[in-house]
Amino acid sequence: MSDQQQPTQQRSLTPIQEVSSMLNRMKGQFQNVLPTHTTPEKFIRIVLTALSNNSDLLKCNRQSLYLSCLRAAQDGLLPDGREGAIVPFKNVAQWMPMVGGLCKKARNSGEILSIDACVVYANDEFDSWVDEKGPHFKHRRARADRGEAILTYAYAMLKNGGFAYEEIDEAQMAEIEKMSRASNGPWKGPFRDEMRRKSAIRRLCKYRLPSSTDLD
């Protein structure tokens, strides 16, 4: 192929083909940071599926898109909508670990048996208390209209038999939300409860769980 023909072929690439080509050139970088059970090929396939499902990502700044992919790989998580997602904010792509990804990292630390977070609504049945045996909670979700969110809690069962619990009320959550610099970010859309749960899990990991490099 002559030098004059090559630029014409490059210009004919579709956006998804252009990104796919670049991701494959980054394969070595992904391999260096991904956990051993996730191959670069699998990671790239999942990224391309995410791009196909959300064409707005292809309109984002390419550097931010590739950096988001690299950050996902460094976290050892997949941008599959369960462990994490690459989300467009205006024309910038941003890697966002999901609750499933944070829980996976916590379990992979080797100290956590189970971990989760839930949002409590006004019409739910909920109580939490502390006695000489430690923290306790009881939560039963309303079957129909659950009302407005009133608090979010996170808990973890430790492999040594311990139990950790943390809750954040809506006034505290509003202060956390204020720290978000994106006026049209995930706090404003369908990811709002996801952000609440993430905030509770992060606070649980920071203040209640044993120190761990993986969790940090």
N, C-alpha and C. Protein backbone atom coordinates (compact mmCIF):
# COMPACT_ATOMS: atom_id res chain seq x y z
N MET A 1 0.85 -1.19 0.00
CA MET A 1 0.00 0.00 0.00
C MET A 1 0.89 1.24 0.00
N SER A 2 0.56 2.22 -0.84
CA SER A 2 1.37 3.43 -0.91
C SER A 2 1.02 4.35 0.24
N ASP A 3 1.94 5.33 0.48
CA ASP A 3 1.70 6.30 1.54
C ASP A 3 0.48 7.15 1.26
N GLN A 4 0.18 7.36 -0.04
CA GLN A 4 -0.99 8.18 -0.38
C GLN A 4 -2.29 7.45 -0.15
N GLN A 5 -2.28 6.11 -0.27
CA GLN A 5 -3.50 5.34 -0.08
C GLN A 5 -3.83 5.15 1.40
N GLN A 6 -2.80 5.09 2.28
CA GLN A 6 -3.02 4.76 3.67
C GLN A 6 -3.91 5.77 4.40
N PRO A 7 -3.68 7.09 4.30
CA PRO A 7 -4.56 8.04 4.98
C PRO A 7 -6.01 7.91 4.57
N THR A 8 -6.26 7.60 3.28
CA THR A 8 -7.63 7.44 2.82
C THR A 8 -8.31 6.29 3.55
N GLN A 9 -7.58 5.18 3.75
CA GLN A 9 -8.15 4.03 4.45
C GLN A 9 -8.41 4.38 5.91
N GLN A 10 -7.50 5.13 6.55
CA GLN A 10 -7.69 5.49 7.94
C GLN A 10 -8.92 6.37 8.11
N ARG A 11 -9.12 7.29 7.17
CA ARG A 11 -10.29 8.17 7.28
C ARG A 11 -11.58 7.39 7.10
N SER A 12 -11.52 6.23 6.46
CA SER A 12 -12.74 5.46 6.21
C SER A 12 -13.13 4.58 7.39
N LEU A 13 -12.29 4.52 8.43
CA LEU A 13 -12.61 3.72 9.60
C LEU A 13 -13.81 4.32 10.34
N THR A 14 -14.70 3.47 10.79
CA THR A 14 -15.79 3.92 11.64
C THR A 14 -15.23 4.24 13.03
N PRO A 15 -15.95 5.02 13.83
CA PRO A 15 -15.46 5.33 15.19
C PRO A 15 -15.18 4.08 16.01
N ILE A 16 -16.04 3.07 15.94
CA ILE A 16 -15.84 1.85 16.74
C ILE A 16 -14.60 1.10 16.25
N GLN A 17 -14.35 1.12 14.93
CA GLN A 17 -13.16 0.47 14.40
C GLN A 17 -11.89 1.21 14.83
N GLU A 18 -11.96 2.51 14.85
CA GLU A 18 -10.82 3.32 15.28
C GLU A 18 -10.48 3.03 16.74
N VAL A 19 -11.50 2.99 17.60
CA VAL A 19 -11.27 2.71 19.02
C VAL A 19 -10.78 1.29 19.21
N SER A 20 -11.37 0.35 18.48
CA SER A 20 -10.95 -1.05 18.59
C SER A 20 -9.48 -1.20 18.24
N SER A 21 -9.03 -0.51 17.20
CA SER A 21 -7.63 -0.58 16.78
C SER A 21 -6.72 -0.05 17.88
N MET A 22 -7.12 1.06 18.51
CA MET A 22 -6.29 1.64 19.57
C MET A 22 -6.27 0.75 20.81
N LEU A 23 -7.40 0.18 21.16
CA LEU A 23 -7.45 -0.71 22.33
C LEU A 23 -6.53 -1.92 22.14
N ASN A 24 -6.51 -2.43 20.94
CA ASN A 24 -5.62 -3.57 20.67
C ASN A 24 -4.15 -3.17 20.75
N ARG A 25 -3.84 -1.91 20.38
CA ARG A 25 -2.47 -1.44 20.55
C ARG A 25 -2.12 -1.25 22.02
N MET A 26 -3.13 -1.08 22.87
CA MET A 26 -2.93 -0.92 24.31
C MET A 26 -2.93 -2.25 25.05
N LYS A 27 -3.02 -3.35 24.31
CA LYS A 27 -3.18 -4.67 24.93
C LYS A 27 -2.08 -4.95 25.96
N GLY A 28 -0.86 -4.56 25.66
CA GLY A 28 0.25 -4.79 26.60
C GLY A 28 0.05 -4.04 27.90
N GLN A 29 -0.45 -2.80 27.83
CA GLN A 29 -0.71 -2.02 29.04
C GLN A 29 -1.80 -2.68 29.88
N PHE A 30 -2.84 -3.18 29.23
CA PHE A 30 -3.91 -3.85 29.97
C PHE A 30 -3.38 -5.12 30.65
N GLN A 31 -2.56 -5.87 29.92
CA GLN A 31 -2.03 -7.12 30.47
C GLN A 31 -1.18 -6.87 31.72
N ASN A 32 -0.48 -5.74 31.75
CA ASN A 32 0.39 -5.43 32.89
C ASN A 32 -0.38 -5.15 34.17
N VAL A 33 -1.64 -4.72 34.07
CA VAL A 33 -2.38 -4.31 35.27
C VAL A 33 -3.59 -5.18 35.57
N LEU A 34 -4.10 -5.92 34.59
CA LEU A 34 -5.26 -6.77 34.83
C LEU A 34 -4.91 -7.95 35.73
N PRO A 35 -5.85 -8.44 36.55
CA PRO A 35 -5.60 -9.66 37.31
C PRO A 35 -5.40 -10.84 36.36
N THR A 36 -4.72 -11.87 36.82
CA THR A 36 -4.33 -12.98 35.94
C THR A 36 -5.53 -13.71 35.35
N HIS A 37 -6.69 -13.68 36.03
CA HIS A 37 -7.85 -14.43 35.53
C HIS A 37 -8.61 -13.67 34.44
N THR A 38 -8.20 -12.44 34.13
CA THR A 38 -8.86 -11.66 33.08
C THR A 38 -7.85 -11.37 31.97
N THR A 39 -8.10 -11.88 30.80
CA THR A 39 -7.19 -11.65 29.68
C THR A 39 -7.47 -10.29 29.04
N PRO A 40 -6.45 -9.68 28.43
CA PRO A 40 -6.68 -8.42 27.72
C PRO A 40 -7.74 -8.56 26.63
N GLU A 41 -7.77 -9.71 25.97
CA GLU A 41 -8.76 -9.94 24.89
C GLU A 41 -10.19 -9.86 25.45
N LYS A 42 -10.40 -10.50 26.60
CA LYS A 42 -11.74 -10.46 27.21
C LYS A 42 -12.09 -9.05 27.63
N PHE A 43 -11.13 -8.36 28.23
CA PHE A 43 -11.37 -6.98 28.67
C PHE A 43 -11.75 -6.09 27.49
N ILE A 44 -11.02 -6.20 26.39
CA ILE A 44 -11.29 -5.37 25.21
C ILE A 44 -12.67 -5.70 24.63
N ARG A 45 -13.03 -6.99 24.60
CA ARG A 45 -14.35 -7.36 24.09
C ARG A 45 -15.46 -6.70 24.90
N ILE A 46 -15.29 -6.67 26.22
CA ILE A 46 -16.32 -6.08 27.07
C ILE A 46 -16.38 -4.57 26.89
N VAL A 47 -15.22 -3.93 26.72
CA VAL A 47 -15.21 -2.49 26.44
C VAL A 47 -15.95 -2.20 25.14
N LEU A 48 -15.68 -2.97 24.10
CA LEU A 48 -16.32 -2.74 22.80
C LEU A 48 -17.83 -2.97 22.88
N THR A 49 -18.25 -3.94 23.70
CA THR A 49 -19.69 -4.16 23.90
C THR A 49 -20.31 -2.95 24.58
N ALA A 50 -19.61 -2.40 25.58
CA ALA A 50 -20.11 -1.21 26.27
C ALA A 50 -20.23 -0.04 25.31
N LEU A 51 -19.27 0.12 24.42
CA LEU A 51 -19.31 1.21 23.44
C LEU A 51 -20.46 1.01 22.46
N SER A 52 -20.71 -0.23 22.07
CA SER A 52 -21.81 -0.51 21.15
C SER A 52 -23.16 -0.22 21.79
N ASN A 53 -23.24 -0.46 23.12
CA ASN A 53 -24.49 -0.24 23.84
C ASN A 53 -24.72 1.23 24.18
N ASN A 54 -23.67 2.03 24.15
CA ASN A 54 -23.80 3.45 24.46
C ASN A 54 -22.97 4.25 23.47
N SER A 55 -23.58 4.61 22.37
CA SER A 55 -22.85 5.29 21.29
C SER A 55 -22.35 6.66 21.70
N ASP A 56 -22.90 7.25 22.77
CA ASP A 56 -22.43 8.57 23.23
C ASP A 56 -20.97 8.52 23.65
N LEU A 57 -20.51 7.34 24.07
CA LEU A 57 -19.11 7.21 24.48
C LEU A 57 -18.17 7.45 23.30
N LEU A 58 -18.61 7.11 22.11
CA LEU A 58 -17.78 7.31 20.92
C LEU A 58 -17.66 8.78 20.54
N LYS A 59 -18.49 9.63 21.14
CA LYS A 59 -18.43 11.07 20.89
C LYS A 59 -17.52 11.76 21.90
N CYS A 60 -17.06 10.99 22.91
CA CYS A 60 -16.24 11.57 23.96
C CYS A 60 -14.80 11.78 23.49
N ASN A 61 -14.11 12.66 24.20
CA ASN A 61 -12.70 12.87 23.97
C ASN A 61 -11.98 11.53 24.04
N ARG A 62 -11.21 11.19 23.00
CA ARG A 62 -10.59 9.87 22.93
C ARG A 62 -9.60 9.63 24.08
N GLN A 63 -8.86 10.64 24.46
CA GLN A 63 -7.90 10.46 25.54
C GLN A 63 -8.60 10.08 26.84
N SER A 64 -9.73 10.73 27.12
CA SER A 64 -10.47 10.40 28.34
C SER A 64 -11.05 8.99 28.26
N LEU A 65 -11.44 8.55 27.07
CA LEU A 65 -11.98 7.21 26.90
C LEU A 65 -10.92 6.15 27.16
N TYR A 66 -9.74 6.33 26.58
CA TYR A 66 -8.67 5.35 26.75
C TYR A 66 -8.16 5.36 28.20
N LEU A 67 -8.13 6.52 28.82
CA LEU A 67 -7.71 6.61 30.22
C LEU A 67 -8.71 5.91 31.12
N SER A 68 -9.99 6.03 30.81
CA SER A 68 -11.02 5.35 31.59
C SER A 68 -10.86 3.83 31.49
N CYS A 69 -10.56 3.35 30.30
CA CYS A 69 -10.33 1.92 30.11
C CYS A 69 -9.14 1.45 30.94
N LEU A 70 -8.09 2.23 30.94
CA LEU A 70 -6.89 1.86 31.69
C LEU A 70 -7.17 1.87 33.19
N ARG A 71 -7.95 2.82 33.66
CA ARG A 71 -8.29 2.87 35.08
C ARG A 71 -9.14 1.68 35.49
N ALA A 72 -10.05 1.27 34.61
CA ALA A 72 -10.86 0.08 34.88
C ALA A 72 -9.96 -1.15 35.02
N ALA A 73 -9.02 -1.28 34.09
CA ALA A 73 -8.10 -2.42 34.14
C ALA A 73 -7.24 -2.38 35.41
N GLN A 74 -6.80 -1.19 35.82
CA GLN A 74 -6.00 -1.06 37.03
C GLN A 74 -6.80 -1.46 38.27
N ASP A 75 -8.11 -1.20 38.24
CA ASP A 75 -8.97 -1.62 39.35
C ASP A 75 -9.24 -3.13 39.33
N GLY A 76 -8.89 -3.77 38.20
CA GLY A 76 -9.17 -5.20 38.07
C GLY A 76 -10.65 -5.48 37.86
N LEU A 77 -11.38 -4.50 37.34
CA LEU A 77 -12.82 -4.63 37.16
C LEU A 77 -13.20 -4.50 35.69
N LEU A 78 -14.36 -5.02 35.35
CA LEU A 78 -14.83 -4.99 33.97
C LEU A 78 -15.90 -3.91 33.79
N PRO A 79 -15.84 -3.14 32.71
CA PRO A 79 -16.86 -2.12 32.45
C PRO A 79 -18.11 -2.73 31.83
N ASP A 80 -18.71 -3.65 32.56
CA ASP A 80 -19.85 -4.42 32.04
C ASP A 80 -21.19 -3.95 32.59
N GLY A 81 -21.20 -2.85 33.34
CA GLY A 81 -22.45 -2.35 33.91
C GLY A 81 -22.77 -2.96 35.26
N ARG A 82 -22.02 -3.98 35.65
CA ARG A 82 -22.22 -4.60 36.97
C ARG A 82 -21.04 -4.29 37.89
N GLU A 83 -19.84 -4.54 37.42
CA GLU A 83 -18.66 -4.22 38.21
C GLU A 83 -18.29 -2.74 38.08
N GLY A 84 -18.59 -2.17 36.93
CA GLY A 84 -18.30 -0.77 36.70
C GLY A 84 -18.83 -0.33 35.35
N ALA A 85 -18.73 0.96 35.09
CA ALA A 85 -19.22 1.48 33.82
C ALA A 85 -18.37 2.68 33.40
N ILE A 86 -18.19 2.83 32.11
CA ILE A 86 -17.58 4.03 31.55
C ILE A 86 -18.74 4.93 31.14
N VAL A 87 -18.81 6.11 31.75
CA VAL A 87 -19.98 6.98 31.61
C VAL A 87 -19.58 8.28 30.94
N PRO A 88 -20.37 8.75 29.95
CA PRO A 88 -20.06 10.04 29.32
C PRO A 88 -20.62 11.21 30.12
N PHE A 89 -19.78 12.18 30.45
CA PHE A 89 -20.21 13.44 31.04
C PHE A 89 -19.86 14.53 30.04
N LYS A 90 -20.91 15.04 29.35
CA LYS A 90 -20.71 15.95 28.23
C LYS A 90 -19.83 15.24 27.20
N ASN A 91 -18.61 15.70 26.95
CA ASN A 91 -17.76 15.03 25.96
C ASN A 91 -16.56 14.34 26.60
N VAL A 92 -16.67 14.04 27.90
CA VAL A 92 -15.59 13.40 28.62
C VAL A 92 -16.06 12.05 29.16
N ALA A 93 -15.28 11.00 28.91
CA ALA A 93 -15.59 9.67 29.44
C ALA A 93 -14.97 9.53 30.83
N GLN A 94 -15.70 8.90 31.73
CA GLN A 94 -15.21 8.73 33.10
C GLN A 94 -15.49 7.31 33.57
N TRP A 95 -14.47 6.67 34.14
CA TRP A 95 -14.62 5.33 34.72
C TRP A 95 -15.30 5.45 36.08
N MET A 96 -16.35 4.63 36.27
CA MET A 96 -17.11 4.67 37.51
C MET A 96 -17.28 3.25 38.05
N PRO A 97 -16.51 2.86 39.06
CA PRO A 97 -16.75 1.55 39.68
C PRO A 97 -18.16 1.50 40.25
N MET A 98 -18.83 0.37 40.10
CA MET A 98 -20.17 0.20 40.63
C MET A 98 -20.08 -0.53 41.97
N VAL A 99 -21.24 -0.62 42.64
CA VAL A 99 -21.28 -1.31 43.92
C VAL A 99 -20.77 -2.74 43.79
N GLY A 100 -21.15 -3.42 42.70
CA GLY A 100 -20.70 -4.80 42.49
C GLY A 100 -19.18 -4.88 42.41
N GLY A 101 -18.56 -3.88 41.78
CA GLY A 101 -17.10 -3.87 41.68
C GLY A 101 -16.44 -3.61 43.01
N LEU A 102 -16.97 -2.66 43.79
CA LEU A 102 -16.40 -2.38 45.10
C LEU A 102 -16.51 -3.60 46.02
N CYS A 103 -17.66 -4.29 45.95
CA CYS A 103 -17.84 -5.49 46.77
C CYS A 103 -16.87 -6.60 46.33
N LYS A 104 -16.65 -6.70 45.03
CA LYS A 104 -15.71 -7.70 44.52
C LYS A 104 -14.31 -7.43 45.05
N LYS A 105 -13.88 -6.15 45.02
CA LYS A 105 -12.56 -5.81 45.52
C LYS A 105 -12.46 -6.09 47.01
N ALA A 106 -13.53 -5.83 47.74
CA ALA A 106 -13.52 -6.09 49.18
C ALA A 106 -13.37 -7.58 49.46
N ARG A 107 -14.12 -8.41 48.73
CA ARG A 107 -14.03 -9.86 48.93
C ARG A 107 -12.65 -10.37 48.53
N ASN A 108 -12.08 -9.78 47.48
CA ASN A 108 -10.76 -10.22 47.02
C ASN A 108 -9.64 -9.87 48.00
N SER A 109 -9.94 -9.01 48.97
CA SER A 109 -8.93 -8.64 49.96
C SER A 109 -8.59 -9.82 50.88
N GLY A 110 -9.47 -10.83 50.92
CA GLY A 110 -9.22 -12.02 51.72
C GLY A 110 -9.73 -11.95 53.15
N GLU A 111 -10.32 -10.81 53.54
CA GLU A 111 -10.78 -10.64 54.91
C GLU A 111 -12.29 -10.55 55.03
N ILE A 112 -12.98 -10.37 53.89
CA ILE A 112 -14.42 -10.12 53.89
C ILE A 112 -15.17 -11.35 53.40
N LEU A 113 -16.15 -11.79 54.17
CA LEU A 113 -17.00 -12.91 53.76
C LEU A 113 -18.12 -12.43 52.85
N SER A 114 -18.76 -11.35 53.23
CA SER A 114 -19.82 -10.75 52.40
C SER A 114 -19.91 -9.27 52.71
N ILE A 115 -20.37 -8.51 51.73
CA ILE A 115 -20.48 -7.05 51.89
C ILE A 115 -21.58 -6.54 50.97
N ASP A 116 -22.34 -5.56 51.43
CA ASP A 116 -23.41 -5.01 50.59
C ASP A 116 -23.84 -3.67 51.16
N ALA A 117 -24.67 -2.96 50.41
CA ALA A 117 -25.23 -1.68 50.85
C ALA A 117 -26.63 -1.55 50.30
N CYS A 118 -27.50 -0.89 51.04
CA CYS A 118 -28.90 -0.72 50.63
C CYS A 118 -29.39 0.68 50.97
N VAL A 119 -30.33 1.17 50.18
CA VAL A 119 -30.98 2.44 50.45
C VAL A 119 -32.30 2.16 51.16
N VAL A 120 -32.56 2.90 52.24
CA VAL A 120 -33.81 2.77 53.00
C VAL A 120 -34.74 3.91 52.61
N TYR A 121 -36.00 3.57 52.35
CA TYR A 121 -37.01 4.56 52.00
C TYR A 121 -38.03 4.71 53.13
N ALA A 122 -38.76 5.82 53.11
CA ALA A 122 -39.62 6.19 54.23
C ALA A 122 -40.66 5.12 54.56
N ASN A 123 -41.15 4.39 53.57
CA ASN A 123 -42.20 3.40 53.82
C ASN A 123 -41.65 2.00 54.11
N ASP A 124 -40.34 1.86 54.10
CA ASP A 124 -39.72 0.58 54.50
C ASP A 124 -39.82 0.42 56.03
N GLU A 125 -39.72 -0.81 56.48
CA GLU A 125 -39.55 -1.07 57.91
C GLU A 125 -38.05 -1.16 58.19
N PHE A 126 -37.57 -0.29 59.06
CA PHE A 126 -36.13 -0.27 59.32
C PHE A 126 -35.85 0.13 60.76
N ASP A 127 -34.86 -0.52 61.34
CA ASP A 127 -34.38 -0.14 62.66
C ASP A 127 -32.91 -0.52 62.76
N SER A 128 -32.15 0.28 63.47
CA SER A 128 -30.75 -0.06 63.73
C SER A 128 -30.42 0.34 65.16
N TRP A 129 -29.57 -0.44 65.80
CA TRP A 129 -29.21 -0.17 67.19
C TRP A 129 -27.87 -0.83 67.50
N VAL A 130 -27.31 -0.42 68.62
CA VAL A 130 -26.05 -0.97 69.09
C VAL A 130 -26.23 -1.41 70.53
N ASP A 131 -25.76 -2.62 70.86
CA ASP A 131 -25.77 -3.08 72.24
C ASP A 131 -24.39 -3.65 72.58
N GLU A 132 -24.33 -4.39 73.68
CA GLU A 132 -23.03 -4.90 74.12
C GLU A 132 -22.43 -5.91 73.13
N LYS A 133 -23.24 -6.41 72.20
CA LYS A 133 -22.75 -7.36 71.20
C LYS A 133 -22.37 -6.69 69.89
N GLY A 134 -22.53 -5.36 69.84
CA GLY A 134 -22.16 -4.66 68.62
C GLY A 134 -23.35 -4.09 67.87
N PRO A 135 -23.16 -3.67 66.61
CA PRO A 135 -24.24 -3.07 65.82
C PRO A 135 -25.20 -4.13 65.28
N HIS A 136 -26.46 -3.71 65.12
CA HIS A 136 -27.51 -4.57 64.55
C HIS A 136 -28.40 -3.71 63.66
N PHE A 137 -29.06 -4.35 62.70
CA PHE A 137 -30.07 -3.64 61.92
C PHE A 137 -31.11 -4.63 61.43
N LYS A 138 -32.29 -4.10 61.13
CA LYS A 138 -33.38 -4.90 60.56
C LYS A 138 -34.03 -4.05 59.48
N HIS A 139 -34.13 -4.62 58.29
CA HIS A 139 -34.66 -3.87 57.15
C HIS A 139 -35.59 -4.76 56.34
N ARG A 140 -36.84 -4.29 56.19
CA ARG A 140 -37.82 -4.97 55.33
C ARG A 140 -38.37 -3.94 54.36
N ARG A 141 -38.16 -4.16 53.08
CA ARG A 141 -38.57 -3.20 52.07
C ARG A 141 -40.09 -3.18 51.91
N ALA A 142 -40.65 -1.99 51.66
CA ALA A 142 -42.07 -1.86 51.35
C ALA A 142 -42.36 -2.53 50.01
N ARG A 143 -43.51 -3.16 49.91
CA ARG A 143 -43.87 -3.89 48.70
C ARG A 143 -44.27 -2.96 47.56
N ALA A 144 -44.91 -1.84 47.88
CA ALA A 144 -45.40 -0.96 46.82
C ALA A 144 -44.61 0.35 46.84
N ASP A 145 -45.29 1.46 47.03
CA ASP A 145 -44.63 2.76 47.06
C ASP A 145 -43.71 2.84 48.27
N ARG A 146 -42.43 3.05 48.02
CA ARG A 146 -41.46 3.06 49.11
C ARG A 146 -41.21 4.47 49.65
N GLY A 147 -41.76 5.48 49.00
CA GLY A 147 -41.57 6.84 49.48
C GLY A 147 -40.20 7.41 49.12
N GLU A 148 -39.77 8.40 49.89
CA GLU A 148 -38.50 9.08 49.65
C GLU A 148 -37.36 8.37 50.38
N ALA A 149 -36.16 8.45 49.83
CA ALA A 149 -34.98 7.89 50.50
C ALA A 149 -34.72 8.64 51.80
N ILE A 150 -34.39 7.89 52.87
CA ILE A 150 -34.13 8.54 54.17
C ILE A 150 -32.72 8.24 54.68
N LEU A 151 -32.16 7.11 54.31
CA LEU A 151 -30.78 6.82 54.70
C LEU A 151 -30.25 5.66 53.87
N THR A 152 -28.95 5.47 53.92
CA THR A 152 -28.28 4.37 53.22
C THR A 152 -27.32 3.70 54.20
N TYR A 153 -27.30 2.39 54.18
CA TYR A 153 -26.39 1.67 55.09
C TYR A 153 -25.55 0.66 54.31
N ALA A 154 -24.43 0.32 54.89
CA ALA A 154 -23.56 -0.72 54.34
C ALA A 154 -23.14 -1.63 55.49
N TYR A 155 -22.92 -2.89 55.16
CA TYR A 155 -22.51 -3.85 56.20
C TYR A 155 -21.58 -4.89 55.59
N ALA A 156 -20.81 -5.51 56.45
CA ALA A 156 -19.88 -6.55 56.00
C ALA A 156 -19.76 -7.62 57.08
N MET A 157 -19.73 -8.87 56.65
CA MET A 157 -19.43 -10.00 57.52
C MET A 157 -17.96 -10.36 57.31
N LEU A 158 -17.19 -10.39 58.38
CA LEU A 158 -15.77 -10.67 58.27
C LEU A 158 -15.50 -12.16 58.45
N LYS A 159 -14.45 -12.64 57.85
CA LYS A 159 -14.13 -14.07 57.94
C LYS A 159 -13.74 -14.49 59.35
N ASN A 160 -13.34 -13.53 60.20
CA ASN A 160 -13.01 -13.86 61.59
C ASN A 160 -14.23 -13.87 62.49
N GLY A 161 -15.43 -13.73 61.89
CA GLY A 161 -16.66 -13.74 62.66
C GLY A 161 -17.16 -12.36 63.03
N GLY A 162 -16.42 -11.33 62.72
CA GLY A 162 -16.83 -9.96 63.05
C GLY A 162 -17.89 -9.43 62.11
N PHE A 163 -18.49 -8.32 62.53
CA PHE A 163 -19.54 -7.67 61.75
C PHE A 163 -19.30 -6.17 61.77
N ALA A 164 -19.39 -5.52 60.61
CA ALA A 164 -19.17 -4.08 60.51
C ALA A 164 -20.40 -3.43 59.87
N TYR A 165 -20.74 -2.26 60.37
CA TYR A 165 -21.96 -1.58 59.91
C TYR A 165 -21.73 -0.08 59.88
N GLU A 166 -22.28 0.57 58.85
CA GLU A 166 -22.18 2.03 58.72
C GLU A 166 -23.45 2.54 58.05
N GLU A 167 -23.98 3.69 58.51
CA GLU A 167 -25.14 4.28 57.84
C GLU A 167 -24.94 5.78 57.66
N ILE A 168 -25.56 6.29 56.60
CA ILE A 168 -25.48 7.71 56.25
C ILE A 168 -26.90 8.22 56.02
N ASP A 169 -27.31 9.24 56.77
CA ASP A 169 -28.65 9.78 56.55
C ASP A 169 -28.63 10.73 55.35
N GLU A 170 -29.81 11.18 54.93
CA GLU A 170 -29.90 11.98 53.71
C GLU A 170 -29.24 13.35 53.85
N ALA A 171 -29.21 13.91 55.07
CA ALA A 171 -28.53 15.20 55.26
C ALA A 171 -27.03 15.02 55.04
N GLN A 172 -26.48 13.95 55.58
CA GLN A 172 -25.05 13.67 55.36
C GLN A 172 -24.78 13.35 53.89
N MET A 173 -25.71 12.61 53.27
CA MET A 173 -25.53 12.24 51.86
C MET A 173 -25.55 13.49 50.97
N ALA A 174 -26.36 14.48 51.34
CA ALA A 174 -26.41 15.72 50.56
C ALA A 174 -25.06 16.43 50.59
N GLU A 175 -24.37 16.36 51.73
CA GLU A 175 -23.05 16.97 51.83
C GLU A 175 -22.04 16.23 50.95
N ILE A 176 -22.17 14.90 50.90
CA ILE A 176 -21.30 14.11 50.03
C ILE A 176 -21.56 14.46 48.57
N GLU A 177 -22.86 14.62 48.23
CA GLU A 177 -23.22 14.95 46.85
C GLU A 177 -22.66 16.31 46.44
N LYS A 178 -22.60 17.26 47.37
CA LYS A 178 -22.08 18.59 47.05
C LYS A 178 -20.63 18.54 46.60
N MET A 179 -19.92 17.49 47.02
CA MET A 179 -18.51 17.37 46.64
C MET A 179 -18.34 16.95 45.18
N SER A 180 -19.44 16.49 44.56
CA SER A 180 -19.38 16.12 43.15
C SER A 180 -19.34 17.38 42.30
N ARG A 181 -18.31 17.49 41.47
CA ARG A 181 -18.12 18.70 40.67
C ARG A 181 -18.95 18.69 39.39
N ALA A 182 -19.48 17.54 39.01
CA ALA A 182 -20.22 17.44 37.75
C ALA A 182 -21.68 17.80 37.96
N SER A 183 -22.14 18.89 37.38
CA SER A 183 -23.52 19.34 37.56
C SER A 183 -24.51 18.38 36.91
N ASN A 184 -24.06 17.63 35.91
CA ASN A 184 -24.95 16.66 35.25
C ASN A 184 -24.41 15.24 35.43
N GLY A 185 -23.73 14.99 36.54
CA GLY A 185 -23.10 13.70 36.78
C GLY A 185 -24.07 12.64 37.28
N PRO A 186 -23.53 11.51 37.78
CA PRO A 186 -24.36 10.36 38.15
C PRO A 186 -25.31 10.63 39.32
N TRP A 187 -25.04 11.65 40.13
CA TRP A 187 -25.95 11.97 41.23
C TRP A 187 -27.29 12.49 40.70
N LYS A 188 -27.32 12.97 39.46
CA LYS A 188 -28.52 13.61 38.93
C LYS A 188 -29.38 12.66 38.09
N GLY A 189 -28.90 11.46 37.82
CA GLY A 189 -29.62 10.58 36.92
C GLY A 189 -29.98 9.24 37.54
N PRO A 190 -30.09 8.20 36.73
CA PRO A 190 -30.52 6.88 37.20
C PRO A 190 -29.51 6.20 38.12
N PHE A 191 -28.28 6.76 38.21
CA PHE A 191 -27.27 6.15 39.08
C PHE A 191 -27.31 6.71 40.50
N ARG A 192 -28.32 7.48 40.84
CA ARG A 192 -28.35 8.15 42.15
C ARG A 192 -28.26 7.17 43.31
N ASP A 193 -29.08 6.10 43.27
CA ASP A 193 -29.02 5.11 44.35
C ASP A 193 -27.68 4.38 44.35
N GLU A 194 -27.13 4.18 43.16
CA GLU A 194 -25.81 3.54 43.06
C GLU A 194 -24.76 4.40 43.76
N MET A 195 -24.85 5.72 43.60
CA MET A 195 -23.91 6.62 44.25
C MET A 195 -24.11 6.61 45.76
N ARG A 196 -25.36 6.53 46.21
CA ARG A 196 -25.63 6.43 47.65
C ARG A 196 -24.97 5.18 48.22
N ARG A 197 -25.19 4.06 47.56
CA ARG A 197 -24.65 2.79 48.06
C ARG A 197 -23.11 2.79 48.04
N LYS A 198 -22.55 3.34 46.96
CA LYS A 198 -21.08 3.44 46.89
C LYS A 198 -20.53 4.28 48.04
N SER A 199 -21.20 5.39 48.34
CA SER A 199 -20.73 6.26 49.41
C SER A 199 -20.73 5.53 50.74
N ALA A 200 -21.79 4.74 50.99
CA ALA A 200 -21.86 3.99 52.25
C ALA A 200 -20.79 2.92 52.32
N ILE A 201 -20.56 2.22 51.22
CA ILE A 201 -19.53 1.18 51.21
C ILE A 201 -18.14 1.79 51.40
N ARG A 202 -17.89 2.91 50.76
CA ARG A 202 -16.58 3.56 50.91
C ARG A 202 -16.35 4.00 52.35
N ARG A 203 -17.39 4.53 52.99
CA ARG A 203 -17.23 4.94 54.39
C ARG A 203 -17.05 3.72 55.29
N LEU A 204 -17.77 2.64 54.98
CA LEU A 204 -17.59 1.40 55.74
C LEU A 204 -16.15 0.91 55.64
N CYS A 205 -15.62 0.90 54.41
CA CYS A 205 -14.25 0.43 54.20
C CYS A 205 -13.24 1.34 54.90
N LYS A 206 -13.51 2.63 54.90
CA LYS A 206 -12.56 3.59 55.47
C LYS A 206 -12.52 3.54 56.99
N TYR A 207 -13.69 3.39 57.63
CA TYR A 207 -13.75 3.54 59.08
C TYR A 207 -14.00 2.25 59.86
N ARG A 208 -14.55 1.23 59.21
CA ARG A 208 -14.99 0.06 59.97
C ARG A 208 -14.25 -1.23 59.64
N LEU A 209 -13.66 -1.32 58.46
CA LEU A 209 -13.05 -2.57 58.05
C LEU A 209 -11.55 -2.55 58.28
N PRO A 210 -10.94 -3.73 58.42
CA PRO A 210 -9.48 -3.80 58.58
C PRO A 210 -8.77 -3.15 57.40
N SER A 211 -7.66 -2.49 57.67
CA SER A 211 -6.89 -1.83 56.63
C SER A 211 -6.44 -2.84 55.59
N SER A 212 -6.59 -2.50 54.30
CA SER A 212 -6.22 -3.39 53.22
C SER A 212 -5.81 -2.58 52.01
N THR A 213 -4.71 -2.94 51.38
CA THR A 213 -4.26 -2.25 50.18
C THR A 213 -5.30 -2.38 49.08
N ASP A 214 -5.90 -3.58 48.93
CA ASP A 214 -6.91 -3.79 47.91
C ASP A 214 -8.10 -2.85 48.10
N LEU A 215 -8.54 -2.73 49.36
CA LEU A 215 -9.70 -1.87 49.63
C LEU A 215 -9.35 -0.42 49.40
N ASP A 216 -8.14 0.00 49.80
CA ASP A 216 -7.73 1.37 49.54
C ASP A 216 -7.73 1.67 48.06
